[in-house]
Amino acid sequence: MTTATKGTISELAAVLRPSLLRLTRIVRNQRVDMSITLTQLSAMGTLHKHGPMSAGELAACERVQPPSMTKVLANLEERGLVRREAHPTDRRQAIMSITGEGVALLESERRSRDAWLSQRLAQLTPEERALIRNVIPVFDKLAQL
C-alpha cells in the first residue's frame, strides 16, 4: 500500500467515522421505553438471538464484567423481561432466558427504530436508497473484519 493510498484511506476513515457515530446515536435514541438501558436491551437481544445462557456466558458475549451483567440481569428479572432457571448440571449457576414480555419489548423497540429510519429513507431519492442498499454488504464486511 502506497503512502498516498494510506492517506486516502485515513481521510475516508476520518470522514466516515463521525457520520456513522452520529447516525448510530440518532437511531439508538428512537426508543419506546427509556427506562430500559441500551445495555439491558443488548443483553436481551443476545439472549433472544443465541438462546438461554449463564450470566457469565452472557457477560462474555456482551464484553462486560460478570458483576456488571449480574446487576443488569437482576433488574431485567425484576421487571419480568428475563427469567432464571436452574443450570442442568451445575447448581451454582443459573441459566437466563428472555421472557415473552422481553421479546415483545425488543420487537417494539425494533419497530420504533425501523419506523423512524423508514421515514428518513423515504425522504431520499431512489438513487440514494439504491446506493445505501449497495453499501450494506460492505458495512457488514467491515463489521466482520
C-alpha atoms as a PDB file:
ATOM      1  CA  MET A   1       0.000   0.000   0.000  1.00  0.00           C
ATOM      2  CA  THR A   2       1.435   3.362  -1.004  1.00  0.00           C
ATOM      3  CA  THR A   3       1.670   6.408   1.225  1.00  0.00           C
ATOM      4  CA  ALA A   4      -0.917   8.166  -0.979  1.00  0.00           C
ATOM      5  CA  THR A   5      -3.305   5.228  -0.588  1.00  0.00           C
ATOM      6  CA  LYS A   6      -2.781   5.202   3.177  1.00  0.00           C
ATOM      7  CA  GLY A   7      -3.573   8.922   3.279  1.00  0.00           C
ATOM      8  CA  THR A   8      -6.709   8.419   1.230  1.00  0.00           C
ATOM      9  CA  ILE A   9      -7.854   5.566   3.470  1.00  0.00           C
ATOM     10  CA  SER A  10      -7.133   7.612   6.594  1.00  0.00           C
ATOM     11  CA  GLU A  11      -9.087  10.538   5.158  1.00  0.00           C
ATOM     12  CA  LEU A  12     -12.016   8.245   4.357  1.00  0.00           C
ATOM     13  CA  ALA A  13     -11.949   6.842   7.889  1.00  0.00           C
ATOM     14  CA  ALA A  14     -11.885  10.346   9.364  1.00  0.00           C
ATOM     15  CA  VAL A  15     -14.949  11.383   7.327  1.00  0.00           C
ATOM     16  CA  LEU A  16     -16.870   8.117   7.714  1.00  0.00           C
ATOM     17  CA  ARG A  17     -16.456   7.626  11.474  1.00  0.00           C
ATOM     18  CA  PRO A  18     -18.330  10.722  12.698  1.00  0.00           C
ATOM     19  CA  SER A  19     -21.164  10.129  10.227  1.00  0.00           C
ATOM     20  CA  LEU A  20     -21.578   6.529  11.367  1.00  0.00           C
ATOM     21  CA  LEU A  21     -21.424   7.521  15.034  1.00  0.00           C
ATOM     22  CA  ARG A  22     -23.972  10.311  14.589  1.00  0.00           C
ATOM     23  CA  LEU A  23     -26.410   8.070  12.694  1.00  0.00           C
ATOM     24  CA  THR A  24     -25.991   5.239  15.208  1.00  0.00           C
ATOM     25  CA  ARG A  25     -26.632   7.592  18.128  1.00  0.00           C
ATOM     26  CA  ILE A  26     -29.767   9.012  16.495  1.00  0.00           C
ATOM     27  CA  VAL A  27     -31.160   5.555  15.667  1.00  0.00           C
ATOM     28  CA  ARG A  28     -30.439   4.300  19.203  1.00  0.00           C
ATOM     29  CA  ASN A  29     -32.392   7.223  20.623  1.00  0.00           C
ATOM     30  CA  GLN A  30     -35.565   6.241  18.773  1.00  0.00           C
ATOM     31  CA  ARG A  31     -36.760   4.401  21.858  1.00  0.00           C
ATOM     32  CA  VAL A  32     -40.084   3.131  23.133  1.00  0.00           C
ATOM     33  CA  ASP A  33     -39.157   2.509  26.778  1.00  0.00           C
ATOM     34  CA  MET A  34     -36.461   4.849  28.052  1.00  0.00           C
ATOM     35  CA  SER A  35     -36.457   3.121  31.451  1.00  0.00           C
ATOM     36  CA  ILE A  36     -34.571   0.199  29.877  1.00  0.00           C
ATOM     37  CA  THR A  37     -30.904   0.931  29.226  1.00  0.00           C
ATOM     38  CA  LEU A  38     -29.135   0.164  25.972  1.00  0.00           C
ATOM     39  CA  THR A  39     -27.009  -2.359  27.889  1.00  0.00           C
ATOM     40  CA  GLN A  40     -30.165  -4.121  29.086  1.00  0.00           C
ATOM     41  CA  LEU A  41     -31.612  -4.123  25.557  1.00  0.00           C
ATOM     42  CA  SER A  42     -28.374  -5.550  24.217  1.00  0.00           C
ATOM     43  CA  ALA A  43     -28.359  -8.338  26.813  1.00  0.00           C
ATOM     44  CA  MET A  44     -31.975  -9.222  25.995  1.00  0.00           C
ATOM     45  CA  GLY A  45     -31.148  -9.146  22.282  1.00  0.00           C
ATOM     46  CA  THR A  46     -28.266 -11.558  22.807  1.00  0.00           C
ATOM     47  CA  LEU A  47     -30.473 -13.943  24.800  1.00  0.00           C
ATOM     48  CA  HIS A  48     -33.128 -13.728  22.104  1.00  0.00           C
ATOM     49  CA  LYS A  49     -30.634 -14.361  19.293  1.00  0.00           C
ATOM     50  CA  HIS A  50     -28.445 -17.019  20.944  1.00  0.00           C
ATOM     51  CA  GLY A  51     -30.847 -18.603  23.415  1.00  0.00           C
ATOM     52  CA  PRO A  52     -30.553 -19.264  27.151  1.00  0.00           C
ATOM     53  CA  MET A  53     -27.117 -18.979  28.735  1.00  0.00           C
ATOM     54  CA  SER A  54     -25.417 -18.369  32.040  1.00  0.00           C
ATOM     55  CA  ALA A  55     -24.715 -14.847  33.280  1.00  0.00           C
ATOM     56  CA  GLY A  56     -21.007 -15.462  32.711  1.00  0.00           C
ATOM     57  CA  GLU A  57     -21.551 -16.554  29.124  1.00  0.00           C
ATOM     58  CA  LEU A  58     -23.769 -13.539  28.517  1.00  0.00           C
ATOM     59  CA  ALA A  59     -21.167 -11.219  30.071  1.00  0.00           C
ATOM     60  CA  ALA A  60     -18.545 -12.656  27.709  1.00  0.00           C
ATOM     61  CA  CYS A  61     -20.833 -12.184  24.685  1.00  0.00           C
ATOM     62  CA  GLU A  62     -21.571  -8.607  25.723  1.00  0.00           C
ATOM     63  CA  ARG A  63     -17.925  -7.924  26.647  1.00  0.00           C
ATOM     64  CA  VAL A  64     -18.730  -6.705  30.148  1.00  0.00           C
ATOM     65  CA  GLN A  65     -17.551  -7.861  33.563  1.00  0.00           C
ATOM     66  CA  PRO A  66     -19.679 -10.621  35.177  1.00  0.00           C
ATOM     67  CA  PRO A  67     -20.634  -8.458  38.206  1.00  0.00           C
ATOM     68  CA  SER A  68     -21.991  -5.800  35.844  1.00  0.00           C
ATOM     69  CA  MET A  69     -24.022  -8.393  33.950  1.00  0.00           C
ATOM     70  CA  THR A  70     -25.382  -9.760  37.238  1.00  0.00           C
ATOM     71  CA  LYS A  71     -26.798  -6.300  38.019  1.00  0.00           C
ATOM     72  CA  VAL A  72     -28.258  -5.954  34.510  1.00  0.00           C
ATOM     73  CA  LEU A  73     -29.927  -9.359  34.749  1.00  0.00           C
ATOM     74  CA  ALA A  74     -31.265  -8.719  38.250  1.00  0.00           C
ATOM     75  CA  ASN A  75     -33.013  -5.585  37.003  1.00  0.00           C
ATOM     76  CA  LEU A  76     -34.396  -7.357  33.945  1.00  0.00           C
ATOM     77  CA  GLU A  77     -35.560 -10.301  36.028  1.00  0.00           C
ATOM     78  CA  GLU A  78     -37.292  -7.956  38.488  1.00  0.00           C
ATOM     79  CA  ARG A  79     -39.179  -6.438  35.543  1.00  0.00           C
ATOM     80  CA  GLY A  80     -40.166  -9.860  34.183  1.00  0.00           C
ATOM     81  CA  LEU A  81     -38.129  -9.463  30.986  1.00  0.00           C
ATOM     82  CA  VAL A  82     -35.785 -12.394  31.660  1.00  0.00           C
ATOM     83  CA  ARG A  83     -36.134 -15.481  33.833  1.00  0.00           C
ATOM     84  CA  ARG A  84     -33.684 -17.532  35.818  1.00  0.00           C
ATOM     85  CA  GLU A  85     -33.715 -21.321  35.605  1.00  0.00           C
ATOM     86  CA  ALA A  86     -31.578 -23.927  37.316  1.00  0.00           C
ATOM     87  CA  HIS A  87     -28.474 -24.993  35.418  1.00  0.00           C
ATOM     88  CA  PRO A  88     -28.936 -28.628  34.372  1.00  0.00           C
ATOM     89  CA  THR A  89     -25.519 -29.787  35.609  1.00  0.00           C
ATOM     90  CA  ASP A  90     -24.155 -27.080  37.932  1.00  0.00           C
ATOM     91  CA  ARG A  91     -26.401 -25.981  40.809  1.00  0.00           C
ATOM     92  CA  ARG A  92     -24.120 -22.990  41.498  1.00  0.00           C
ATOM     93  CA  GLN A  93     -25.104 -21.410  38.184  1.00  0.00           C
ATOM     94  CA  ALA A  94     -28.370 -20.292  36.670  1.00  0.00           C
ATOM     95  CA  ILE A  95     -29.399 -20.161  33.070  1.00  0.00           C
ATOM     96  CA  MET A  96     -31.015 -16.923  31.928  1.00  0.00           C
ATOM     97  CA  SER A  97     -33.571 -16.704  29.151  1.00  0.00           C
ATOM     98  CA  ILE A  98     -35.704 -13.951  27.729  1.00  0.00           C
ATOM     99  CA  THR A  99     -39.426 -13.988  28.524  1.00  0.00           C
ATOM    100  CA  GLY A 100     -42.301 -13.349  26.148  1.00  0.00           C
ATOM    101  CA  GLU A 101     -42.614  -9.879  27.644  1.00  0.00           C
ATOM    102  CA  GLY A 102     -38.916  -9.299  26.933  1.00  0.00           C
ATOM    103  CA  VAL A 103     -39.303 -10.420  23.323  1.00  0.00           C
ATOM    104  CA  ALA A 104     -42.314  -8.114  22.937  1.00  0.00           C
ATOM    105  CA  LEU A 105     -40.267  -5.173  24.246  1.00  0.00           C
ATOM    106  CA  LEU A 106     -37.397  -5.940  21.872  1.00  0.00           C
ATOM    107  CA  GLU A 107     -39.785  -6.141  18.935  1.00  0.00           C
ATOM    108  CA  SER A 108     -41.429  -2.865  19.944  1.00  0.00           C
ATOM    109  CA  GLU A 109     -38.030  -1.164  20.146  1.00  0.00           C
ATOM    110  CA  ARG A 110     -37.047  -2.523  16.721  1.00  0.00           C
ATOM    111  CA  ARG A 111     -40.344  -1.414  15.176  1.00  0.00           C
ATOM    112  CA  SER A 112     -39.843   2.097  16.570  1.00  0.00           C
ATOM    113  CA  ARG A 113     -36.340   2.363  15.137  1.00  0.00           C
ATOM    114  CA  ASP A 114     -37.372   0.825  11.821  1.00  0.00           C
ATOM    115  CA  ALA A 115     -40.286   3.275  11.533  1.00  0.00           C
ATOM    116  CA  TRP A 116     -38.005   6.254  12.175  1.00  0.00           C
ATOM    117  CA  LEU A 117     -35.419   5.002   9.691  1.00  0.00           C
ATOM    118  CA  SER A 118     -38.122   4.228   7.100  1.00  0.00           C
ATOM    119  CA  GLN A 119     -39.392   7.800   7.339  1.00  0.00           C
ATOM    120  CA  ARG A 120     -35.881   9.136   6.829  1.00  0.00           C
ATOM    121  CA  LEU A 121     -35.166   6.769   3.919  1.00  0.00           C
ATOM    122  CA  ALA A 122     -38.423   7.828   2.259  1.00  0.00           C
ATOM    123  CA  GLN A 123     -37.026  11.377   2.071  1.00  0.00           C
ATOM    124  CA  LEU A 124     -34.108  10.201  -0.070  1.00  0.00           C
ATOM    125  CA  THR A 125     -34.161   9.790  -3.820  1.00  0.00           C
ATOM    126  CA  PRO A 126     -34.472   6.294  -5.297  1.00  0.00           C
ATOM    127  CA  GLU A 127     -30.839   6.605  -6.392  1.00  0.00           C
ATOM    128  CA  GLU A 128     -29.697   7.449  -2.857  1.00  0.00           C
ATOM    129  CA  ARG A 129     -31.652   4.482  -1.458  1.00  0.00           C
ATOM    130  CA  ALA A 130     -30.026   2.231  -4.086  1.00  0.00           C
ATOM    131  CA  LEU A 131     -26.573   3.471  -3.007  1.00  0.00           C
ATOM    132  CA  ILE A 132     -27.374   2.638   0.610  1.00  0.00           C
ATOM    133  CA  ARG A 133     -28.685  -0.810  -0.349  1.00  0.00           C
ATOM    134  CA  ASN A 134     -25.474  -1.479  -2.282  1.00  0.00           C
ATOM    135  CA  VAL A 135     -23.178  -0.407   0.582  1.00  0.00           C
ATOM    136  CA  ILE A 136     -24.848  -2.616   3.230  1.00  0.00           C
ATOM    137  CA  PRO A 137     -22.727  -5.689   2.338  1.00  0.00           C
ATOM    138  CA  VAL A 138     -19.612  -3.524   2.599  1.00  0.00           C
ATOM    139  CA  PHE A 139     -20.605  -2.329   6.095  1.00  0.00           C
ATOM    140  CA  ASP A 140     -21.312  -5.936   7.051  1.00  0.00           C
ATOM    141  CA  LYS A 141     -17.843  -6.898   5.814  1.00  0.00           C
ATOM    142  CA  LEU A 142     -16.241  -4.058   7.815  1.00  0.00           C
ATOM    143  CA  ALA A 143     -18.042  -5.284  10.930  1.00  0.00           C
ATOM    144  CA  GLN A 144     -16.717  -8.827  10.387  1.00  0.00           C
ATOM    145  CA  LEU A 145     -13.041  -7.945   9.821  1.00  0.00           C
END
